[in-house]
Amino acid sequence: MRATRVIANLSVPDIGEARDFYVGYLGLSDEGIKMDWVSRFQSPDGGAVVQLVTRDATAPQDSVISVAVGDDVEEAYEEAMRRGFEIVYPFTAEPCGMRRFFVRAPDGNLININSHKDD
């Protein structure tokens, strides 16, 4: 598995209220994920990316980061199971086109390992 992108997932009570800070003050653009529970903000060069999450709509818990792995997501799932890592959310093909699972890192953080149709 090779991570191609890592995005911090910040928990917020209201994405709309937080938007002005990330767009107006930090100068990030709203990437328009078009889901009411998550929104991605990015710098023009793509070097700075953050997601705001009110509550993951399909998983039982919220993750602290999202790690894109391209087509290797199923292999990453099998490797996590082989290593005995705790799988919090099993490998799932989401309606939005994302394939993902949540694994708990040994430090306790919950990581969203994913592949999206746009990757």
C-alpha atoms as a PDB file:
ATOM      1  CA  MET A   1       0.000   0.000   0.000  1.00  0.00           C
ATOM      2  CA  ARG A   2       1.174   3.512  -0.772  1.00  0.00           C
ATOM      3  CA  ALA A   3      -0.604   6.566   0.614  1.00  0.00           C
ATOM      4  CA  THR A   4      -1.178   9.148  -2.110  1.00  0.00           C
ATOM      5  CA  ARG A   5      -2.894  11.785   0.031  1.00  0.00           C
ATOM      6  CA  VAL A   6      -3.519  12.413   3.723  1.00  0.00           C
ATOM      7  CA  ILE A   7      -6.243  14.848   4.803  1.00  0.00           C
ATOM      8  CA  ALA A   8      -6.981  15.999   8.346  1.00  0.00           C
ATOM      9  CA  ASN A   9     -10.627  15.579   9.382  1.00  0.00           C
ATOM     10  CA  LEU A  10     -11.679  18.308  11.803  1.00  0.00           C
ATOM     11  CA  SER A  11     -14.833  17.837  13.828  1.00  0.00           C
ATOM     12  CA  VAL A  12     -17.130  20.877  13.681  1.00  0.00           C
ATOM     13  CA  PRO A  13     -20.713  21.395  14.841  1.00  0.00           C
ATOM     14  CA  ASP A  14     -21.711  23.364  11.710  1.00  0.00           C
ATOM     15  CA  ILE A  15     -19.796  23.438   8.421  1.00  0.00           C
ATOM     16  CA  GLY A  16     -21.617  26.544   7.193  1.00  0.00           C
ATOM     17  CA  GLU A  17     -20.558  28.544  10.243  1.00  0.00           C
ATOM     18  CA  ALA A  18     -16.938  27.383   9.893  1.00  0.00           C
ATOM     19  CA  ARG A  19     -16.726  28.026   6.129  1.00  0.00           C
ATOM     20  CA  ASP A  20     -15.931  31.761   6.378  1.00  0.00           C
ATOM     21  CA  PHE A  21     -12.839  31.080   8.493  1.00  0.00           C
ATOM     22  CA  TYR A  22     -11.421  28.493   6.082  1.00  0.00           C
ATOM     23  CA  VAL A  23     -12.412  30.313   2.877  1.00  0.00           C
ATOM     24  CA  GLY A  24     -12.462  33.982   3.874  1.00  0.00           C
ATOM     25  CA  TYR A  25      -9.601  34.049   6.361  1.00  0.00           C
ATOM     26  CA  LEU A  26      -7.305  31.160   5.337  1.00  0.00           C
ATOM     27  CA  GLY A  27      -7.992  31.608   1.609  1.00  0.00           C
ATOM     28  CA  LEU A  28      -8.863  27.973   0.929  1.00  0.00           C
ATOM     29  CA  SER A  29     -11.410  27.058  -1.720  1.00  0.00           C
ATOM     30  CA  ASP A  30     -14.444  24.907  -0.993  1.00  0.00           C
ATOM     31  CA  GLU A  31     -13.994  21.777  -3.093  1.00  0.00           C
ATOM     32  CA  GLY A  32     -17.754  21.089  -3.210  1.00  0.00           C
ATOM     33  CA  ILE A  33     -18.071  17.507  -1.992  1.00  0.00           C
ATOM     34  CA  LYS A  34     -21.858  18.013  -2.009  1.00  0.00           C
ATOM     35  CA  MET A  35     -22.614  16.147   1.203  1.00  0.00           C
ATOM     36  CA  ASP A  36     -24.160  17.923   4.159  1.00  0.00           C
ATOM     37  CA  TRP A  37     -21.904  16.248   6.746  1.00  0.00           C
ATOM     38  CA  VAL A  38     -18.435  16.766   5.194  1.00  0.00           C
ATOM     39  CA  SER A  39     -16.757  19.525   3.212  1.00  0.00           C
ATOM     40  CA  ARG A  40     -13.185  19.750   1.843  1.00  0.00           C
ATOM     41  CA  PHE A  41     -11.170  22.966   1.666  1.00  0.00           C
ATOM     42  CA  GLN A  42      -7.954  23.319  -0.314  1.00  0.00           C
ATOM     43  CA  SER A  43      -5.264  25.864  -1.182  1.00  0.00           C
ATOM     44  CA  PRO A  44      -4.882  26.810  -4.875  1.00  0.00           C
ATOM     45  CA  ASP A  45      -1.751  24.652  -5.252  1.00  0.00           C
ATOM     46  CA  GLY A  46      -3.334  21.688  -3.448  1.00  0.00           C
ATOM     47  CA  GLY A  47      -0.625  21.660  -0.793  1.00  0.00           C
ATOM     48  CA  ALA A  48      -2.992  22.451   2.066  1.00  0.00           C
ATOM     49  CA  VAL A  49      -6.147  20.376   2.453  1.00  0.00           C
ATOM     50  CA  VAL A  50      -8.552  19.953   5.357  1.00  0.00           C
ATOM     51  CA  GLN A  51     -11.972  18.364   5.707  1.00  0.00           C
ATOM     52  CA  LEU A  52     -14.637  19.559   8.118  1.00  0.00           C
ATOM     53  CA  VAL A  53     -16.899  16.807   9.406  1.00  0.00           C
ATOM     54  CA  THR A  54     -20.032  17.213  11.491  1.00  0.00           C
ATOM     55  CA  ARG A  55     -20.604  13.462  11.889  1.00  0.00           C
ATOM     56  CA  ASP A  56     -19.718  10.677   9.475  1.00  0.00           C
ATOM     57  CA  ALA A  57     -23.061   9.725   7.964  1.00  0.00           C
ATOM     58  CA  THR A  58     -22.235   6.092   7.197  1.00  0.00           C
ATOM     59  CA  ALA A  59     -19.540   4.981   9.664  1.00  0.00           C
ATOM     60  CA  PRO A  60     -20.036   4.299  13.378  1.00  0.00           C
ATOM     61  CA  GLN A  61     -17.314   6.760  14.451  1.00  0.00           C
ATOM     62  CA  ASP A  62     -15.448   9.731  13.034  1.00  0.00           C
ATOM     63  CA  SER A  63     -11.871   9.395  11.785  1.00  0.00           C
ATOM     64  CA  VAL A  64      -9.083  11.894  12.475  1.00  0.00           C
ATOM     65  CA  ILE A  65      -7.480  11.595   9.035  1.00  0.00           C
ATOM     66  CA  SER A  66      -8.413  10.237   5.625  1.00  0.00           C
ATOM     67  CA  VAL A  67      -5.690   8.397   3.709  1.00  0.00           C
ATOM     68  CA  ALA A  68      -6.167   7.854  -0.030  1.00  0.00           C
ATOM     69  CA  VAL A  69      -4.461   4.735  -1.382  1.00  0.00           C
ATOM     70  CA  GLY A  70      -5.847   4.543  -4.906  1.00  0.00           C
ATOM     71  CA  ASP A  71      -6.636   1.075  -6.212  1.00  0.00           C
ATOM     72  CA  ASP A  72      -4.760  -0.554  -3.296  1.00  0.00           C
ATOM     73  CA  VAL A  73      -7.619  -0.105  -0.824  1.00  0.00           C
ATOM     74  CA  GLU A  74      -8.665  -3.770  -0.781  1.00  0.00           C
ATOM     75  CA  GLU A  75      -5.041  -4.869  -0.357  1.00  0.00           C
ATOM     76  CA  ALA A  76      -4.667  -2.322   2.456  1.00  0.00           C
ATOM     77  CA  TYR A  77      -7.713  -3.826   4.168  1.00  0.00           C
ATOM     78  CA  GLU A  78      -6.312  -7.351   3.907  1.00  0.00           C
ATOM     79  CA  GLU A  79      -2.924  -6.182   5.214  1.00  0.00           C
ATOM     80  CA  ALA A  80      -4.521  -4.414   8.199  1.00  0.00           C
ATOM     81  CA  MET A  81      -6.399  -7.607   9.068  1.00  0.00           C
ATOM     82  CA  ARG A  82      -3.260  -9.731   8.613  1.00  0.00           C
ATOM     83  CA  ARG A  83      -1.386  -7.452  11.009  1.00  0.00           C
ATOM     84  CA  GLY A  84      -4.177  -7.749  13.562  1.00  0.00           C
ATOM     85  CA  PHE A  85      -5.139  -4.075  13.588  1.00  0.00           C
ATOM     86  CA  GLU A  86      -8.607  -3.271  14.898  1.00  0.00           C
ATOM     87  CA  ILE A  87     -11.027  -2.741  12.014  1.00  0.00           C
ATOM     88  CA  VAL A  88     -13.664  -0.306  13.288  1.00  0.00           C
ATOM     89  CA  TYR A  89     -15.605  -0.022  10.013  1.00  0.00           C
ATOM     90  CA  PRO A  90     -15.316  -2.905   7.524  1.00  0.00           C
ATOM     91  CA  PHE A  91     -14.397  -2.508   3.877  1.00  0.00           C
ATOM     92  CA  THR A  92     -17.419  -0.850   2.263  1.00  0.00           C
ATOM     93  CA  ALA A  93     -18.308   0.516  -1.169  1.00  0.00           C
ATOM     94  CA  GLU A  94     -20.178   3.728  -0.341  1.00  0.00           C
ATOM     95  CA  PRO A  95     -23.022   5.090  -2.540  1.00  0.00           C
ATOM     96  CA  CYS A  96     -20.905   8.191  -3.317  1.00  0.00           C
ATOM     97  CA  GLY A  97     -18.313   6.035  -5.108  1.00  0.00           C
ATOM     98  CA  MET A  98     -15.781   5.830  -2.305  1.00  0.00           C
ATOM     99  CA  ARG A  99     -14.443   2.460  -1.154  1.00  0.00           C
ATOM    100  CA  ARG A 100     -13.124   2.605   2.387  1.00  0.00           C
ATOM    101  CA  PHE A 101     -12.579   1.100   5.804  1.00  0.00           C
ATOM    102  CA  PHE A 102     -11.593   2.456   9.211  1.00  0.00           C
ATOM    103  CA  VAL A 103      -8.622   1.037  11.085  1.00  0.00           C
ATOM    104  CA  ARG A 104      -7.461   1.989  14.570  1.00  0.00           C
ATOM    105  CA  ALA A 105      -3.760   2.849  14.644  1.00  0.00           C
ATOM    106  CA  PRO A 106      -1.782   1.446  17.580  1.00  0.00           C
ATOM    107  CA  ASP A 107      -1.765   4.972  19.070  1.00  0.00           C
ATOM    108  CA  GLY A 108      -5.569   4.895  19.247  1.00  0.00           C
ATOM    109  CA  ASN A 109      -6.332   7.247  16.344  1.00  0.00           C
ATOM    110  CA  LEU A 110      -9.043   6.204  13.914  1.00  0.00           C
ATOM    111  CA  ILE A 111      -7.885   6.285  10.280  1.00  0.00           C
ATOM    112  CA  ASN A 112     -10.127   6.289   7.191  1.00  0.00           C
ATOM    113  CA  ILE A 113      -8.283   4.335   4.465  1.00  0.00           C
ATOM    114  CA  ASN A 114      -9.995   5.008   1.140  1.00  0.00           C
ATOM    115  CA  SER A 115     -10.113   5.074  -2.610  1.00  0.00           C
ATOM    116  CA  HIS A 116     -12.463   7.376  -4.472  1.00  0.00           C
ATOM    117  CA  LYS A 117     -13.646   7.067  -8.045  1.00  0.00           C
ATOM    118  CA  ASP A 118     -11.918  10.413  -8.771  1.00  0.00           C
ATOM    119  CA  ASP A 119      -8.491   9.238  -7.498  1.00  0.00           C
END
